[in-house]
Amino acid sequence: MIITLVLRFVQFLFAVIVLGLAVTLIKDQVLGGSPAAINYAAFTGGFGIIGAAVGIAALFVGPLGGLVMAAIDGLASLFYLAGGIAIVVILRGISCSSTSNESQNKMYDNTLLNGGCTNYKGQKVCGYIERLDHMNVRCRENEADAAFMFMSFALCIGCAVLSFLAMNRGTGRKGALV
């Protein structure tokens, strides 16, 4: 039970980090709405928090454990994997620390980094077009969000396996493995 409680706490912590990074990126968006990948990351973090809370409750409420927790963890892991892949694909080819013209042009055109764009008098105007330093920060925040989603994916897979093993083992507390 102690191992499961520690894993659930780490799962909760990672979910809070994913949600916090996504909300920071959403609030930092200047023009238009925030990109769908960032909105999805916020949803994923929120779902992860709920999953971790239910996982902690399952340690003390028998009917929540076993198959129910394995299903919730499996679903959370799929959400995390999809969110991490989405951000990585959108950031493909961008180096957050590079100051080359090619890298800067990619950042200006990237919806996750430029703060949103609009057409003004026939020209494309983006929120952070003059602030490369700020786009670098947003780039690192997106990379960190993706990294925590991938770590959460692995953690949720592990929790799902532990829940399933505990259920098959027939322990007194379904979903809790000592």
C-alpha atoms as a PDB file:
ATOM      1  CA  MET A   1       0.000   0.000   0.000  1.00  0.00           C
ATOM      2  CA  ILE A   2       2.891   2.369   0.721  1.00  0.00           C
ATOM      3  CA  ILE A   3       4.359   1.899  -2.765  1.00  0.00           C
ATOM      4  CA  THR A   4       0.992   2.562  -4.373  1.00  0.00           C
ATOM      5  CA  LEU A   5       0.438   5.651  -2.221  1.00  0.00           C
ATOM      6  CA  VAL A   6       3.845   7.054  -3.218  1.00  0.00           C
ATOM      7  CA  LEU A   7       3.157   6.334  -6.908  1.00  0.00           C
ATOM      8  CA  ARG A   8      -0.238   8.048  -6.660  1.00  0.00           C
ATOM      9  CA  PHE A   9       1.340  11.072  -4.999  1.00  0.00           C
ATOM     10  CA  VAL A  10       3.940  11.320  -7.788  1.00  0.00           C
ATOM     11  CA  GLN A  11       1.154  10.869 -10.350  1.00  0.00           C
ATOM     12  CA  PHE A  12      -0.752  13.731  -8.688  1.00  0.00           C
ATOM     13  CA  LEU A  13       2.357  15.934  -8.635  1.00  0.00           C
ATOM     14  CA  PHE A  14       3.118  15.314 -12.331  1.00  0.00           C
ATOM     15  CA  ALA A  15      -0.512  16.048 -13.262  1.00  0.00           C
ATOM     16  CA  VAL A  16      -0.384  19.350 -11.356  1.00  0.00           C
ATOM     17  CA  ILE A  17       2.812  20.275 -13.214  1.00  0.00           C
ATOM     18  CA  VAL A  18       1.262  19.403 -16.606  1.00  0.00           C
ATOM     19  CA  LEU A  19      -1.846  21.439 -15.792  1.00  0.00           C
ATOM     20  CA  GLY A  20       0.167  24.343 -14.393  1.00  0.00           C
ATOM     21  CA  LEU A  21       2.432  24.596 -17.431  1.00  0.00           C
ATOM     22  CA  ALA A  22      -0.544  24.407 -19.795  1.00  0.00           C
ATOM     23  CA  VAL A  23      -2.478  27.094 -17.887  1.00  0.00           C
ATOM     24  CA  THR A  24       0.612  29.336 -17.883  1.00  0.00           C
ATOM     25  CA  LEU A  25       0.896  28.953 -21.655  1.00  0.00           C
ATOM     26  CA  ILE A  26      -2.835  29.611 -22.116  1.00  0.00           C
ATOM     27  CA  LYS A  27      -2.713  32.774 -19.985  1.00  0.00           C
ATOM     28  CA  ASP A  28       0.371  33.957 -21.877  1.00  0.00           C
ATOM     29  CA  GLN A  29      -1.383  33.764 -25.262  1.00  0.00           C
ATOM     30  CA  VAL A  30      -1.651  37.292 -26.701  1.00  0.00           C
ATOM     31  CA  LEU A  31      -3.738  37.037 -29.874  1.00  0.00           C
ATOM     32  CA  GLY A  32      -6.642  34.734 -30.570  1.00  0.00           C
ATOM     33  CA  GLY A  33      -7.396  31.602 -28.650  1.00  0.00           C
ATOM     34  CA  SER A  34      -4.788  29.243 -27.338  1.00  0.00           C
ATOM     35  CA  PRO A  35      -3.674  26.366 -29.572  1.00  0.00           C
ATOM     36  CA  ALA A  36      -5.611  23.121 -29.311  1.00  0.00           C
ATOM     37  CA  ALA A  37      -2.523  21.180 -28.175  1.00  0.00           C
ATOM     38  CA  ILE A  38      -2.134  23.436 -25.140  1.00  0.00           C
ATOM     39  CA  ASN A  39      -5.852  23.211 -24.318  1.00  0.00           C
ATOM     40  CA  TYR A  40      -5.572  19.441 -24.583  1.00  0.00           C
ATOM     41  CA  ALA A  41      -2.554  19.465 -22.244  1.00  0.00           C
ATOM     42  CA  ALA A  42      -4.645  21.348 -19.677  1.00  0.00           C
ATOM     43  CA  PHE A  43      -7.426  18.763 -20.009  1.00  0.00           C
ATOM     44  CA  THR A  44      -4.902  15.958 -19.649  1.00  0.00           C
ATOM     45  CA  GLY A  45      -3.432  17.474 -16.491  1.00  0.00           C
ATOM     46  CA  GLY A  46      -6.909  17.907 -15.016  1.00  0.00           C
ATOM     47  CA  PHE A  47      -7.841  14.330 -15.850  1.00  0.00           C
ATOM     48  CA  GLY A  48      -4.568  13.169 -14.305  1.00  0.00           C
ATOM     49  CA  ILE A  49      -5.356  14.993 -11.057  1.00  0.00           C
ATOM     50  CA  ILE A  50      -8.768  13.340 -10.894  1.00  0.00           C
ATOM     51  CA  GLY A  51      -7.234   9.942 -11.720  1.00  0.00           C
ATOM     52  CA  ALA A  52      -4.614  10.307  -8.982  1.00  0.00           C
ATOM     53  CA  ALA A  53      -7.258  11.393  -6.444  1.00  0.00           C
ATOM     54  CA  VAL A  54      -9.457   8.414  -7.322  1.00  0.00           C
ATOM     55  CA  GLY A  55      -6.358   6.197  -7.095  1.00  0.00           C
ATOM     56  CA  ILE A  56      -5.652   7.438  -3.579  1.00  0.00           C
ATOM     57  CA  ALA A  57      -9.309   6.952  -2.640  1.00  0.00           C
ATOM     58  CA  ALA A  58      -9.187   3.415  -4.098  1.00  0.00           C
ATOM     59  CA  LEU A  59      -6.641   2.483  -1.443  1.00  0.00           C
ATOM     60  CA  PHE A  60      -9.312   3.001   1.182  1.00  0.00           C
ATOM     61  CA  VAL A  61     -12.539   2.292  -0.737  1.00  0.00           C
ATOM     62  CA  GLY A  62     -12.445  -1.255  -2.095  1.00  0.00           C
ATOM     63  CA  PRO A  63     -14.907  -0.960  -5.015  1.00  0.00           C
ATOM     64  CA  LEU A  64     -12.811   1.763  -6.657  1.00  0.00           C
ATOM     65  CA  GLY A  65      -9.752  -0.461  -6.938  1.00  0.00           C
ATOM     66  CA  GLY A  66      -8.825  -3.205  -9.354  1.00  0.00           C
ATOM     67  CA  LEU A  67     -10.398  -3.009 -12.772  1.00  0.00           C
ATOM     68  CA  VAL A  68     -11.839   0.477 -12.237  1.00  0.00           C
ATOM     69  CA  MET A  69      -8.413   1.927 -11.438  1.00  0.00           C
ATOM     70  CA  ALA A  70      -6.729  -0.058 -14.189  1.00  0.00           C
ATOM     71  CA  ALA A  71      -9.232   1.436 -16.653  1.00  0.00           C
ATOM     72  CA  ILE A  72      -8.789   4.997 -15.335  1.00  0.00           C
ATOM     73  CA  ASP A  73      -4.991   4.661 -15.425  1.00  0.00           C
ATOM     74  CA  GLY A  74      -5.107   3.160 -18.913  1.00  0.00           C
ATOM     75  CA  LEU A  75      -7.259   6.027 -20.152  1.00  0.00           C
ATOM     76  CA  ALA A  76      -5.020   8.613 -18.465  1.00  0.00           C
ATOM     77  CA  SER A  77      -1.950   7.031 -20.018  1.00  0.00           C
ATOM     78  CA  LEU A  78      -3.489   7.284 -23.485  1.00  0.00           C
ATOM     79  CA  PHE A  79      -4.381  10.944 -22.878  1.00  0.00           C
ATOM     80  CA  TYR A  80      -0.844  11.709 -21.693  1.00  0.00           C
ATOM     81  CA  LEU A  81       0.729   9.921 -24.645  1.00  0.00           C
ATOM     82  CA  ALA A  82      -1.478  11.736 -27.170  1.00  0.00           C
ATOM     83  CA  GLY A  83      -0.789  15.127 -25.568  1.00  0.00           C
ATOM     84  CA  GLY A  84       2.955  14.600 -25.435  1.00  0.00           C
ATOM     85  CA  ILE A  85       3.083  13.446 -29.039  1.00  0.00           C
ATOM     86  CA  ALA A  86       0.969  16.412 -30.184  1.00  0.00           C
ATOM     87  CA  ILE A  87       3.329  18.948 -28.617  1.00  0.00           C
ATOM     88  CA  VAL A  88       6.461  17.180 -29.867  1.00  0.00           C
ATOM     89  CA  VAL A  89       5.089  17.015 -33.408  1.00  0.00           C
ATOM     90  CA  ILE A  90       4.171  20.714 -33.411  1.00  0.00           C
ATOM     91  CA  LEU A  91       7.628  21.649 -32.043  1.00  0.00           C
ATOM     92  CA  ARG A  92       9.405  19.361 -34.529  1.00  0.00           C
ATOM     93  CA  GLY A  93      12.600  20.892 -35.865  1.00  0.00           C
ATOM     94  CA  ILE A  94      12.754  23.747 -33.349  1.00  0.00           C
ATOM     95  CA  SER A  95      15.680  24.186 -30.989  1.00  0.00           C
ATOM     96  CA  CYS A  96      14.654  26.299 -27.992  1.00  0.00           C
ATOM     97  CA  SER A  97      18.185  27.538 -27.390  1.00  0.00           C
ATOM     98  CA  SER A  98      19.232  28.220 -30.989  1.00  0.00           C
ATOM     99  CA  THR A  99      19.582  31.820 -32.133  1.00  0.00           C
ATOM    100  CA  SER A 100      20.018  31.024 -35.823  1.00  0.00           C
ATOM    101  CA  ASN A 101      17.791  32.808 -38.315  1.00  0.00           C
ATOM    102  CA  GLU A 102      16.301  29.508 -39.444  1.00  0.00           C
ATOM    103  CA  SER A 103      15.341  28.571 -35.872  1.00  0.00           C
ATOM    104  CA  GLN A 104      13.912  32.037 -35.207  1.00  0.00           C
ATOM    105  CA  ASN A 105      11.789  31.850 -38.354  1.00  0.00           C
ATOM    106  CA  LYS A 106      10.437  28.463 -37.261  1.00  0.00           C
ATOM    107  CA  MET A 107       9.583  29.937 -33.848  1.00  0.00           C
ATOM    108  CA  TYR A 108       7.771  32.893 -35.426  1.00  0.00           C
ATOM    109  CA  ASP A 109       5.644  30.491 -37.463  1.00  0.00           C
ATOM    110  CA  ASN A 110       4.924  28.064 -34.605  1.00  0.00           C
ATOM    111  CA  THR A 111       1.476  28.410 -33.031  1.00  0.00           C
ATOM    112  CA  LEU A 112       2.686  27.161 -29.643  1.00  0.00           C
ATOM    113  CA  LEU A 113       5.403  29.801 -29.407  1.00  0.00           C
ATOM    114  CA  ASN A 114       4.394  33.003 -31.201  1.00  0.00           C
ATOM    115  CA  GLY A 115       1.548  34.033 -28.871  1.00  0.00           C
ATOM    116  CA  GLY A 116      -1.033  33.897 -31.632  1.00  0.00           C
ATOM    117  CA  CYS A 117      -1.225  35.712 -34.950  1.00  0.00           C
ATOM    118  CA  THR A 118      -3.691  37.847 -36.859  1.00  0.00           C
ATOM    119  CA  ASN A 119      -3.831  39.651 -40.185  1.00  0.00           C
ATOM    120  CA  TYR A 120      -3.435  43.396 -39.903  1.00  0.00           C
ATOM    121  CA  LYS A 121      -3.698  45.390 -43.123  1.00  0.00           C
ATOM    122  CA  GLY A 122      -2.805  42.333 -45.153  1.00  0.00           C
ATOM    123  CA  GLN A 123       0.234  41.389 -43.067  1.00  0.00           C
ATOM    124  CA  LYS A 124       0.682  38.624 -40.535  1.00  0.00           C
ATOM    125  CA  VAL A 125       1.234  40.057 -37.046  1.00  0.00           C
ATOM    126  CA  CYS A 126       2.101  37.748 -34.141  1.00  0.00           C
ATOM    127  CA  GLY A 127       2.062  38.415 -30.420  1.00  0.00           C
ATOM    128  CA  TYR A 128       5.751  37.821 -29.711  1.00  0.00           C
ATOM    129  CA  ILE A 129       7.295  38.603 -33.075  1.00  0.00           C
ATOM    130  CA  GLU A 130       9.801  41.008 -31.509  1.00  0.00           C
ATOM    131  CA  ARG A 131      10.509  38.941 -28.402  1.00  0.00           C
ATOM    132  CA  LEU A 132      12.701  35.963 -29.221  1.00  0.00           C
ATOM    133  CA  ASP A 133      13.606  35.572 -25.543  1.00  0.00           C
ATOM    134  CA  HIS A 134       9.944  35.116 -24.651  1.00  0.00           C
ATOM    135  CA  MET A 135       9.427  32.580 -27.427  1.00  0.00           C
ATOM    136  CA  ASN A 136      12.432  30.659 -26.057  1.00  0.00           C
ATOM    137  CA  VAL A 137      10.759  30.559 -22.636  1.00  0.00           C
ATOM    138  CA  ARG A 138       7.485  29.367 -24.175  1.00  0.00           C
ATOM    139  CA  CYS A 139       9.445  26.748 -26.116  1.00  0.00           C
ATOM    140  CA  ARG A 140      11.051  25.377 -22.948  1.00  0.00           C
ATOM    141  CA  GLU A 141       7.686  25.399 -21.157  1.00  0.00           C
ATOM    142  CA  ASN A 142       6.157  23.372 -23.994  1.00  0.00           C
ATOM    143  CA  GLU A 143       9.083  20.938 -23.965  1.00  0.00           C
ATOM    144  CA  ALA A 144       8.744  20.521 -20.183  1.00  0.00           C
ATOM    145  CA  ASP A 145       4.998  19.948 -20.533  1.00  0.00           C
ATOM    146  CA  ALA A 146       5.602  17.229 -23.126  1.00  0.00           C
ATOM    147  CA  ALA A 147       8.322  15.633 -20.979  1.00  0.00           C
ATOM    148  CA  PHE A 148       6.039  15.474 -17.938  1.00  0.00           C
ATOM    149  CA  MET A 149       3.271  14.013 -20.091  1.00  0.00           C
ATOM    150  CA  PHE A 150       5.595  11.238 -21.258  1.00  0.00           C
ATOM    151  CA  MET A 151       6.745  10.544 -17.688  1.00  0.00           C
ATOM    152  CA  SER A 152       3.109  10.537 -16.551  1.00  0.00           C
ATOM    153  CA  PHE A 153       2.284   8.126 -19.362  1.00  0.00           C
ATOM    154  CA  ALA A 154       4.879   5.662 -18.051  1.00  0.00           C
ATOM    155  CA  LEU A 155       3.742   6.174 -14.459  1.00  0.00           C
ATOM    156  CA  CYS A 156       0.079   5.565 -15.336  1.00  0.00           C
ATOM    157  CA  ILE A 157       0.978   2.404 -17.246  1.00  0.00           C
ATOM    158  CA  GLY A 158       2.845   1.199 -14.146  1.00  0.00           C
ATOM    159  CA  CYS A 159      -0.082   2.036 -11.871  1.00  0.00           C
ATOM    160  CA  ALA A 160      -2.505   0.263 -14.219  1.00  0.00           C
ATOM    161  CA  VAL A 161      -0.320  -2.857 -14.197  1.00  0.00           C
ATOM    162  CA  LEU A 162      -0.081  -2.771 -10.392  1.00  0.00           C
ATOM    163  CA  SER A 163      -3.867  -2.379 -10.099  1.00  0.00           C
ATOM    164  CA  PHE A 164      -4.438  -5.257 -12.481  1.00  0.00           C
ATOM    165  CA  LEU A 165      -1.912  -7.498 -10.686  1.00  0.00           C
ATOM    166  CA  ALA A 166      -3.417  -6.722  -7.292  1.00  0.00           C
ATOM    167  CA  MET A 167      -6.866  -7.518  -8.634  1.00  0.00           C
ATOM    168  CA  ASN A 168      -5.714 -10.856 -10.056  1.00  0.00           C
ATOM    169  CA  ARG A 169      -3.764 -11.669  -6.904  1.00  0.00           C
ATOM    170  CA  GLY A 170      -6.906 -11.267  -4.837  1.00  0.00           C
ATOM    171  CA  THR A 171      -5.457  -9.017  -2.166  1.00  0.00           C
ATOM    172  CA  GLY A 172      -7.754  -7.627   0.463  1.00  0.00           C
ATOM    173  CA  ARG A 173      -7.510  -4.136  -0.944  1.00  0.00           C
ATOM    174  CA  LYS A 174      -8.132  -4.266  -4.649  1.00  0.00           C
ATOM    175  CA  GLY A 175      -5.661  -2.125  -6.525  1.00  0.00           C
ATOM    176  CA  ALA A 176      -3.236  -1.785  -3.635  1.00  0.00           C
ATOM    177  CA  LEU A 177       0.020  -3.626  -3.950  1.00  0.00           C
ATOM    178  CA  VAL A 178       2.377  -3.585  -0.975  1.00  0.00           C
END
